[in-house]
Amino acid sequence: MILATDRQDDEPVIWNWLRKRTMLPWSTDLRCIGILRPDGEIAGAVGYNGWSEQSCWMHVALDTQHSLNRTLIRAAFDYPFNQAGRVAVYGLTPKGNPEALRLNEGLGFRRIGQTCDGVIFEMRHDECRWLKGAKHGRQG
């Protein structure tokens, strides 16, 4: 599988795929990465928006549970933390999606709050085991 991004002047193919699965609206600060199968089909995507000086929001969709691999996970955290220099990423996951709730916790996100229908998660740069050189996780 290979990583791909939507380019600024191209049709936002990855965002369109992600939007259909997450209802993520278009915004001028939206950035997306996706993982493609050898046939060119999108297997999973991550979108980022709501950028502040210290953080952003992360949105994830996968076509199957097997689409999530280390390449996508590492890229998903490398972009906001290392490339964009943010300290934290946040996610809002529906309470009625137990698979996504377990996935977030398995990746290392912490529950920090809830809304009437969702759970708010946070991942901080210094807690992320998916970054190259991380001293607190599986990376070396």
Protein backbone atom coordinates (compact mmCIF):
# COMPACT_ATOMS: atom_id res chain seq x y z
CA MET A 1 0.00 0.00 0.00
CA ILE A 2 1.14 3.55 -0.67
CA LEU A 3 0.35 6.90 0.93
CA ALA A 4 -1.25 9.70 -1.04
CA THR A 5 -2.42 13.24 -0.29
CA ASP A 6 -4.92 15.60 -1.84
CA ARG A 7 -3.02 18.41 -3.54
CA GLN A 8 -4.24 21.98 -3.27
CA ASP A 9 -5.24 22.45 -6.93
CA ASP A 10 -6.42 18.88 -7.66
CA GLU A 11 -9.85 17.43 -7.14
CA PRO A 12 -10.00 16.35 -3.48
CA VAL A 13 -10.39 12.62 -4.08
CA ILE A 14 -9.28 11.52 -0.62
CA TRP A 15 -11.49 14.08 1.10
CA ASN A 16 -14.50 12.98 -0.97
CA TRP A 17 -13.91 9.38 0.12
CA LEU A 18 -13.47 10.46 3.75
CA ARG A 19 -16.51 12.75 3.68
CA LYS A 20 -18.81 9.93 2.59
CA ARG A 21 -17.77 7.93 5.66
CA THR A 22 -17.40 10.66 8.31
CA MET A 23 -19.53 13.58 7.07
CA LEU A 24 -16.39 15.74 7.38
CA PRO A 25 -17.23 19.09 5.76
CA TRP A 26 -14.85 20.91 3.46
CA SER A 27 -12.87 23.71 5.10
CA THR A 28 -9.98 25.82 3.89
CA ASP A 29 -7.72 24.39 6.61
CA LEU A 30 -8.52 20.76 5.77
CA ARG A 31 -5.60 18.45 4.99
CA CYS A 32 -6.00 14.77 4.06
CA ILE A 33 -3.81 11.73 3.64
CA GLY A 34 -4.89 8.32 2.47
CA ILE A 35 -3.54 4.88 1.92
CA LEU A 36 -4.02 3.29 -1.49
CA ARG A 37 -4.12 -0.35 -2.47
CA PRO A 38 -1.97 -1.48 -5.41
CA ASP A 39 -5.03 -1.08 -7.68
CA GLY A 40 -5.26 2.61 -6.72
CA GLU A 41 -8.41 2.30 -4.59
CA ILE A 42 -8.46 4.13 -1.27
CA ALA A 43 -8.30 1.77 1.73
CA GLY A 44 -8.25 4.38 4.49
CA ALA A 45 -7.92 8.11 5.05
CA VAL A 46 -7.15 10.67 7.72
CA GLY A 47 -8.31 14.26 7.64
CA TYR A 48 -7.17 17.18 9.79
CA ASN A 49 -8.94 20.48 10.45
CA GLY A 50 -9.68 22.94 13.22
CA TRP A 51 -6.01 23.92 13.40
CA SER A 52 -4.89 26.10 16.26
CA GLU A 53 -1.39 27.12 17.26
CA GLN A 54 -1.03 24.01 19.44
CA SER A 55 -3.47 21.40 18.08
CA CYS A 56 -5.84 20.13 15.42
CA TRP A 57 -8.73 17.70 15.02
CA MET A 58 -8.19 14.31 13.38
CA HIS A 59 -10.81 12.31 11.46
CA VAL A 60 -10.26 8.71 10.35
CA ALA A 61 -12.14 6.30 8.10
CA LEU A 62 -11.21 2.79 6.97
CA ASP A 63 -12.93 0.54 4.47
CA THR A 64 -12.06 -2.54 6.57
CA GLN A 65 -10.30 -3.06 9.88
CA HIS A 66 -7.37 -4.50 7.91
CA SER A 67 -6.80 -1.16 6.16
CA LEU A 68 -5.19 0.25 9.27
CA ASN A 69 -1.50 -0.56 9.11
CA ARG A 70 1.65 0.89 10.61
CA THR A 71 2.37 2.96 7.50
CA LEU A 72 -0.92 4.84 7.83
CA ILE A 73 -0.73 5.07 11.63
CA ARG A 74 2.78 6.51 11.59
CA ALA A 75 1.91 8.98 8.83
CA ALA A 76 -1.30 9.95 10.62
CA PHE A 77 0.67 11.10 13.67
CA ASP A 78 3.82 12.28 11.90
CA TYR A 79 1.91 14.90 9.94
CA PRO A 80 0.38 16.91 12.80
CA PHE A 81 3.19 16.39 15.30
CA ASN A 82 6.41 16.48 13.28
CA GLN A 83 5.51 18.22 10.04
CA ALA A 84 2.97 20.72 11.38
CA GLY A 85 4.54 21.07 14.82
CA ARG A 86 1.39 20.61 16.90
CA VAL A 87 1.40 19.45 20.51
CA ALA A 88 -1.93 17.59 20.52
CA VAL A 89 -4.54 16.09 18.23
CA TYR A 90 -8.19 15.60 19.14
CA GLY A 91 -10.95 13.35 17.93
CA LEU A 92 -14.68 13.13 18.50
CA THR A 93 -16.03 9.59 18.23
CA PRO A 94 -19.71 8.61 18.38
CA LYS A 95 -20.65 6.79 21.60
CA GLY A 96 -22.55 4.29 19.48
CA ASN A 97 -19.40 3.11 17.65
CA PRO A 98 -17.68 0.72 20.08
CA GLU A 99 -15.15 -0.46 17.46
CA ALA A 100 -13.91 3.10 16.89
CA LEU A 101 -13.81 3.78 20.63
CA ARG A 102 -11.64 0.67 21.18
CA LEU A 103 -9.45 1.59 18.20
CA ASN A 104 -8.78 5.08 19.56
CA GLU A 105 -7.83 3.74 22.96
CA GLY A 106 -5.68 1.01 21.38
CA LEU A 107 -3.77 3.66 19.44
CA GLY A 108 -3.06 5.51 22.67
CA PHE A 109 -5.69 8.25 22.67
CA ARG A 110 -7.02 9.29 26.08
CA ARG A 111 -10.67 10.05 26.81
CA ILE A 112 -10.86 13.63 28.02
CA GLY A 113 -14.57 14.36 27.85
CA GLN A 114 -17.88 13.62 26.26
CA THR A 115 -20.82 15.26 24.60
CA CYS A 116 -24.40 14.00 24.56
CA ASP A 117 -23.52 11.61 21.72
CA GLY A 118 -19.72 11.48 21.46
CA VAL A 119 -16.46 10.89 23.29
CA ILE A 120 -13.63 13.42 22.98
CA PHE A 121 -10.15 11.92 22.68
CA GLU A 122 -6.72 13.51 22.93
CA MET A 123 -3.25 12.37 21.86
CA ARG A 124 -0.24 14.45 22.85
CA HIS A 125 3.06 14.47 21.00
CA ASP A 126 5.00 13.35 24.07
CA GLU A 127 2.63 10.39 24.57
CA CYS A 128 2.54 9.16 20.97
CA ARG A 129 4.28 5.80 20.58
CA TRP A 130 3.84 5.89 16.78
CA LEU A 131 6.46 8.56 16.11
CA LYS A 132 9.93 7.54 14.93
CA GLY A 133 12.34 7.69 17.80
CA ALA A 134 9.59 7.53 20.42
CA LYS A 135 11.11 6.40 23.71
CA HIS A 136 7.80 5.42 25.29
CA GLY A 137 6.40 2.94 22.80
CA ARG A 138 7.09 0.34 20.17
CA GLN A 139 9.17 2.56 17.90
CA GLY A 140 12.94 2.55 18.13
